[in-house]
Protein backbone atom coordinates (compact mmCIF):
# COMPACT_ATOMS: atom_id res chain seq x y z
CA MET A 1 79.35 166.54 101.93
CA SER A 2 82.24 164.45 100.78
CA THR A 3 84.42 165.50 103.73
CA THR A 4 81.76 164.50 106.25
CA THR A 5 81.27 161.16 104.58
CA VAL A 6 84.96 160.36 104.66
CA GLU A 7 85.29 161.33 108.31
CA THR A 8 82.33 159.17 109.27
CA SER A 9 83.71 156.17 107.39
CA ALA A 10 87.05 156.61 109.09
CA GLU A 11 85.41 156.62 112.47
CA VAL A 12 83.54 153.36 111.70
CA THR A 13 86.49 151.54 110.23
CA GLY A 14 89.17 152.93 112.50
CA PRO A 15 91.16 151.12 115.20
CA GLY A 16 88.38 151.55 117.74
CA ALA A 17 85.81 149.75 115.59
CA ALA A 18 86.71 146.35 117.07
CA GLN A 19 86.04 147.64 120.57
CA ALA A 20 82.66 149.01 119.51
CA ARG A 21 81.42 145.60 118.30
CA PRO A 22 79.19 143.68 120.69
CA PRO A 23 80.82 140.73 122.47
CA LYS A 24 80.30 137.27 121.01
CA VAL A 25 77.21 135.63 122.48
CA ARG A 26 77.60 131.99 123.47
CA ARG A 27 75.03 129.69 121.94
CA ARG A 28 72.54 127.89 124.09
CA GLY A 29 74.02 124.65 125.40
CA GLU A 30 77.57 125.61 124.41
CA GLN A 31 80.07 125.12 127.23
CA GLY A 32 83.03 127.26 128.05
CA PRO A 33 86.54 125.79 128.22
CA VAL A 34 86.47 125.44 132.02
CA ALA A 35 83.06 123.73 132.07
CA SER A 36 84.07 121.44 129.20
CA LEU A 37 87.27 120.47 130.98
CA ALA A 38 85.36 119.79 134.21
CA SER A 39 82.72 117.64 132.48
CA HIS A 40 85.37 115.61 130.66
CA GLY A 41 87.23 115.12 133.93
CA VAL A 42 84.09 113.83 135.64
CA LEU A 43 83.39 111.45 132.76
CA ILE A 44 86.94 110.10 132.84
CA VAL A 45 86.75 109.50 136.59
CA ALA A 46 83.35 107.81 136.25
CA SER A 47 84.70 105.58 133.47
CA LEU A 48 87.67 104.56 135.59
CA VAL A 49 85.40 103.77 138.54
CA ALA A 50 83.20 101.60 136.29
CA LEU A 51 86.11 99.79 134.61
CA PHE A 52 88.24 99.23 137.71
CA PRO A 53 86.31 96.19 139.08
CA ILE A 54 86.51 94.49 135.66
CA ALA A 55 90.24 95.18 135.32
CA TRP A 56 90.84 94.04 138.90
CA LEU A 57 88.93 90.79 138.30
CA ILE A 58 90.98 90.04 135.17
CA PHE A 59 94.18 90.88 137.06
CA LEU A 60 93.33 88.49 139.92
CA SER A 61 92.44 85.73 137.45
CA LEU A 62 96.06 85.73 136.26
CA GLY A 63 97.45 85.01 139.74
CA PRO A 64 98.61 81.39 140.24
CA ASP A 65 97.82 81.22 143.96
CA LYS A 66 94.45 81.43 145.69
CA ASP A 67 95.81 83.98 148.19
CA ASP A 68 97.28 86.35 145.60
CA TYR A 69 94.42 88.77 146.21
CA LEU A 70 96.06 89.51 149.57
CA HIS A 71 99.36 90.36 147.87
CA PRO A 72 98.40 91.65 144.41
CA GLY A 73 101.84 93.11 143.79
CA ARG A 74 103.46 89.72 143.26
CA ILE A 75 101.01 88.81 140.47
CA TRP A 76 102.99 91.01 138.08
CA HIS A 77 105.92 88.55 138.20
CA THR A 78 103.90 85.32 138.18
CA MET A 79 101.12 85.96 135.64
CA THR A 80 99.77 82.80 134.04
CA PHE A 81 96.74 81.47 132.20
CA ASP A 82 96.76 78.20 134.13
CA ASN A 83 93.58 79.19 135.98
CA TYR A 84 91.66 79.38 132.71
CA SER A 85 92.95 76.03 131.48
CA PHE A 86 92.10 74.39 134.81
CA VAL A 87 88.55 75.76 134.73
CA LEU A 88 87.99 74.62 131.15
CA GLN A 89 89.51 71.16 131.59
CA HIS A 90 88.85 70.10 135.19
CA THR A 91 85.45 71.58 136.06
CA ASN A 92 81.89 71.33 134.76
CA PHE A 93 82.30 74.64 132.96
CA PHE A 94 80.73 73.50 129.70
CA ASP A 95 77.80 71.88 131.54
CA TRP A 96 77.26 75.19 133.33
CA LEU A 97 77.48 76.98 130.00
CA LYS A 98 74.88 74.69 128.43
CA SER A 99 72.51 75.04 131.39
CA SER A 100 72.92 78.82 131.53
CA LEU A 101 72.26 79.25 127.81
CA ILE A 102 69.21 76.94 127.85
CA VAL A 103 67.67 78.69 130.84
CA SER A 104 68.59 82.23 129.77
CA LEU A 105 67.53 81.92 126.13
CA GLY A 106 64.37 80.04 127.11
CA THR A 107 63.48 82.77 129.61
CA THR A 108 64.22 85.42 126.99
CA VAL A 109 62.03 83.89 124.27
CA ILE A 110 59.07 82.94 126.47
CA GLY A 111 59.31 86.03 128.67
CA VAL A 112 59.46 88.52 125.79
CA LEU A 113 56.62 86.78 123.96
CA VAL A 114 54.31 86.87 127.00
CA ALA A 115 55.35 90.40 127.97
CA ALA A 116 54.89 91.72 124.42
CA THR A 117 51.38 90.29 124.03
CA THR A 118 50.43 91.51 127.51
CA GLY A 119 51.80 95.00 126.97
CA TYR A 120 50.16 95.31 123.55
CA ALA A 121 46.77 94.15 124.86
CA VAL A 122 46.82 96.68 127.70
CA SER A 123 48.07 99.44 125.40
CA ARG A 124 45.47 98.93 122.65
CA MET A 125 42.47 97.07 124.10
CA ARG A 126 40.04 98.31 126.72
CA PHE A 127 38.77 95.14 128.33
CA PRO A 128 37.33 95.03 131.87
CA GLY A 129 40.11 95.26 134.44
CA TYR A 130 42.91 96.16 132.04
CA ARG A 131 44.23 98.80 134.44
CA LYS A 132 44.07 96.47 137.41
CA LEU A 133 46.01 93.85 135.45
CA MET A 134 49.05 96.09 135.18
CA TRP A 135 48.88 96.98 138.86
CA VAL A 136 48.67 93.30 139.77
CA LEU A 137 51.81 92.70 137.72
CA LEU A 138 53.49 95.54 139.56
CA VAL A 139 52.47 94.18 142.97
CA THR A 140 54.14 90.85 142.21
CA GLN A 141 57.49 92.65 142.18
CA MET A 142 57.08 93.63 145.84
CA PHE A 143 57.63 90.14 147.26
CA PRO A 144 61.23 89.17 148.13
CA ILE A 145 62.74 85.98 146.77
CA ALA A 146 62.90 84.40 150.23
CA VAL A 147 59.10 84.58 150.45
CA LEU A 148 58.54 83.13 146.98
CA ILE A 149 60.90 80.16 147.17
CA VAL A 150 58.71 77.93 149.38
CA PRO A 151 55.41 78.25 147.44
CA MET A 152 57.23 78.02 144.10
CA TYR A 153 59.04 74.89 145.25
CA GLN A 154 55.72 73.33 146.24
CA ILE A 155 54.14 74.21 142.89
CA LEU A 156 57.06 72.86 140.89
CA SER A 157 57.12 69.72 143.01
CA ASP A 158 53.42 69.08 142.33
CA LEU A 159 54.03 69.58 138.60
CA GLY A 160 57.10 67.36 138.57
CA LEU A 161 59.34 70.19 137.39
CA ILE A 162 61.94 70.16 140.17
CA ASP A 163 65.46 69.81 138.73
CA SER A 164 64.26 70.63 135.21
CA TYR A 165 65.12 73.44 132.84
CA LEU A 166 61.46 74.16 132.10
CA GLY A 167 60.64 74.64 135.77
CA LEU A 168 63.48 77.12 136.25
CA ILE A 169 62.52 78.98 133.05
CA LEU A 170 58.92 79.36 134.28
CA VAL A 171 60.15 80.65 137.64
CA TYR A 172 62.35 83.26 135.98
CA CYS A 173 59.51 84.27 133.66
CA SER A 174 57.28 84.89 136.67
CA THR A 175 59.78 87.47 137.93
CA ALA A 176 60.88 88.99 134.60
CA VAL A 177 57.56 89.23 132.72
CA PRO A 178 55.88 91.88 134.98
CA TYR A 179 58.65 94.43 134.50
CA SER A 180 59.00 93.61 130.81
CA ALA A 181 55.23 94.01 130.29
CA TRP A 182 55.33 97.49 131.85
CA LEU A 183 58.32 98.40 129.73
CA LEU A 184 56.75 97.25 126.47
CA LYS A 185 53.38 98.75 127.30
CA GLY A 186 55.04 102.15 127.58
CA TYR A 187 56.82 101.59 124.27
CA PHE A 188 53.65 100.46 122.47
CA ASP A 189 51.97 103.66 123.68
CA THR A 190 54.47 105.65 121.59
CA ILE A 191 53.44 103.87 118.37
CA PRO A 192 50.53 105.72 116.68
CA PHE A 193 47.20 103.93 116.84
CA GLU A 194 46.62 104.82 113.19
CA ILE A 195 49.02 102.02 112.24
CA ASP A 196 46.65 99.48 113.80
CA GLU A 197 43.71 101.01 111.95
CA ALA A 198 45.63 100.88 108.67
CA GLY A 199 46.36 97.20 109.26
CA ARG A 200 42.69 96.44 109.84
CA VAL A 201 41.72 98.35 106.70
CA ASP A 202 44.15 96.15 104.76
CA GLY A 203 42.40 93.07 106.14
CA LEU A 204 44.84 92.03 108.86
CA SER A 205 43.55 90.40 112.01
CA PRO A 206 44.49 91.92 115.40
CA PHE A 207 47.24 89.33 115.80
CA GLY A 208 48.41 89.90 112.22
CA THR A 209 48.60 93.64 112.88
CA PHE A 210 50.56 92.98 116.04
CA ALA A 211 52.98 90.54 114.42
CA ARG A 212 53.51 92.21 111.04
CA LEU A 213 53.25 95.93 111.83
CA ILE A 214 53.74 96.63 115.53
CA LEU A 215 56.54 94.22 116.46
CA PRO A 216 58.95 95.48 113.75
CA LEU A 217 58.41 99.04 114.98
CA ALA A 218 58.90 97.97 118.60
CA ARG A 219 62.27 96.34 117.96
CA PRO A 220 64.21 98.67 120.32
CA GLY A 221 61.78 97.99 123.16
CA LEU A 222 61.93 94.26 122.50
CA ALA A 223 65.73 94.42 122.62
CA VAL A 224 65.64 96.02 126.07
CA ALA A 225 63.12 93.47 127.34
CA ALA A 226 65.18 90.61 125.89
CA PHE A 227 68.35 91.91 127.52
CA TYR A 228 66.61 92.27 130.88
CA ASN A 229 65.19 88.74 130.72
CA PHE A 230 68.54 87.30 129.69
CA ILE A 231 70.46 89.03 132.48
CA THR A 232 67.81 88.11 135.06
CA ALA A 233 68.08 84.41 134.24
CA PHE A 234 71.85 84.38 133.67
CA GLY A 235 72.93 85.86 136.98
CA GLU A 236 70.28 84.61 139.41
CA VAL A 237 71.47 82.36 142.26
CA ALA A 238 68.74 81.69 144.84
CA PHE A 239 66.16 80.01 142.59
CA ALA A 240 68.77 78.07 140.60
CA SER A 241 70.51 76.67 143.69
CA THR A 242 67.16 75.65 145.21
CA PHE A 243 65.34 74.11 142.24
CA MET A 244 68.31 72.47 140.44
CA LEU A 245 69.60 69.41 142.29
CA ASP A 246 71.89 67.81 139.70
CA ASP A 247 75.30 69.49 139.62
CA SER A 248 75.47 68.92 135.85
CA LYS A 249 72.44 71.23 135.50
CA TYR A 250 73.88 74.07 137.56
CA THR A 251 74.00 77.47 135.94
CA PHE A 252 77.12 79.61 136.02
CA ALA A 253 75.95 81.53 139.08
CA VAL A 254 75.55 78.32 141.07
CA GLY A 255 78.66 76.70 139.61
CA LEU A 256 80.81 79.49 141.04
CA GLN A 257 79.85 78.30 144.51
CA SER A 258 81.75 75.07 143.91
CA PHE A 259 84.98 77.01 144.40
CA VAL A 260 83.95 77.94 147.93
CA SER A 261 84.38 75.24 150.58
CA GLU A 262 83.63 75.36 154.28
CA HIS A 263 87.06 76.63 155.26
CA ASP A 264 88.57 77.93 152.06
CA ALA A 265 87.86 79.68 148.76
CA GLN A 266 89.78 79.34 145.51
CA ARG A 267 89.52 82.97 144.53
CA ASN A 268 91.89 82.73 141.58
CA LEU A 269 89.69 80.07 139.95
CA MET A 270 86.56 82.04 140.80
CA ALA A 271 88.02 85.11 139.09
CA ALA A 272 88.97 83.14 135.98
CA THR A 273 85.51 81.57 135.80
CA ALA A 274 83.85 84.96 136.25
CA VAL A 275 85.84 86.35 133.32
CA LEU A 276 84.77 83.41 131.15
CA VAL A 277 81.16 83.82 132.32
CA ALA A 278 81.17 87.44 131.14
CA ILE A 279 81.89 86.42 127.54
CA PRO A 280 78.34 85.14 126.67
CA VAL A 281 76.75 88.18 128.31
CA SER A 282 79.04 90.52 126.40
CA ALA A 283 78.21 88.74 123.15
CA PHE A 284 74.47 89.03 123.81
CA PHE A 285 74.86 92.70 124.70
CA TYR A 286 76.73 93.30 121.45
CA LEU A 287 73.85 91.80 119.47
CA VAL A 288 71.21 94.07 121.04
CA GLN A 289 73.25 97.20 121.76
CA LYS A 290 72.14 98.98 118.57
CA ASN A 291 68.57 99.11 119.82
CA LEU A 292 69.27 99.18 123.55
CA VAL A 293 69.66 102.92 124.14
CA THR A 294 66.72 103.78 121.89
CA GLY A 295 64.48 101.30 123.66
CA LEU A 296 65.49 102.51 127.12
CA THR A 297 64.56 106.13 126.36
CA ALA A 298 61.58 105.85 124.03
CA GLY A 299 59.32 103.96 126.41
CA GLY A 300 59.38 106.77 128.93
CA THR A 301 57.46 109.32 126.87
CA LYS A 302 54.06 107.98 127.82
CA GLY A 303 52.80 106.14 130.84
């Protein structure tokens, strides 16, 4: 008995025991070294493709001559910040900054407020035509800007809002609110209805429930809507160049056109201005980036 036991143990623990063990099973979702290397390579290439236009714009902004973009190699030996000082001192840059911030922040506040109340009403209340309302908002996105400019100009002219910040804010809200309402409606659908019922049991009105319970929970969705409204108003050109007549009220997007004449374009100054323009947008993105990714993904769970 003892001899058999020893022989069996020797067979199990002998040199061939390692070969008898089953191969290691890769966990689900775990990548091999080749696949991991390939995915990292693709991500690096995609990052370079995304960052190259920004780096190229900054590089051109350091060239002293307007034609340096044709000979970028000579910028290395003549780099200067004179373009930035010229833009800040000899253009209406700060007027453009003021106009852009007034219009963009005004569009963000009014647009998010209207979109949030609209999306919440459609998500929670079942009034006649609530489905058709969302489809009407969606249909408004089908019309190109060229078609909307003439009737909007006539409406603003009748209201006396041509060449005014309020008129431009209302125009931008008319284009940004429909998408934002759809976005927030989908996000409000992910918030349990029991929270509304608990608010009513505690004596809150429907608006009190919306303001004190729902909006704090919808902060990521509101951040996405705010960022979309801000970007829409900050970078738009057609409406701003049509409805704003005073050059001191131009936004950044329209102000950049002042560097383009009939026969020439000061591309070095345009590049420097574009870099300066990106600073407010980057700052706003930094403020909302914590909730941006969460808001972009959470609203897609329900329609």
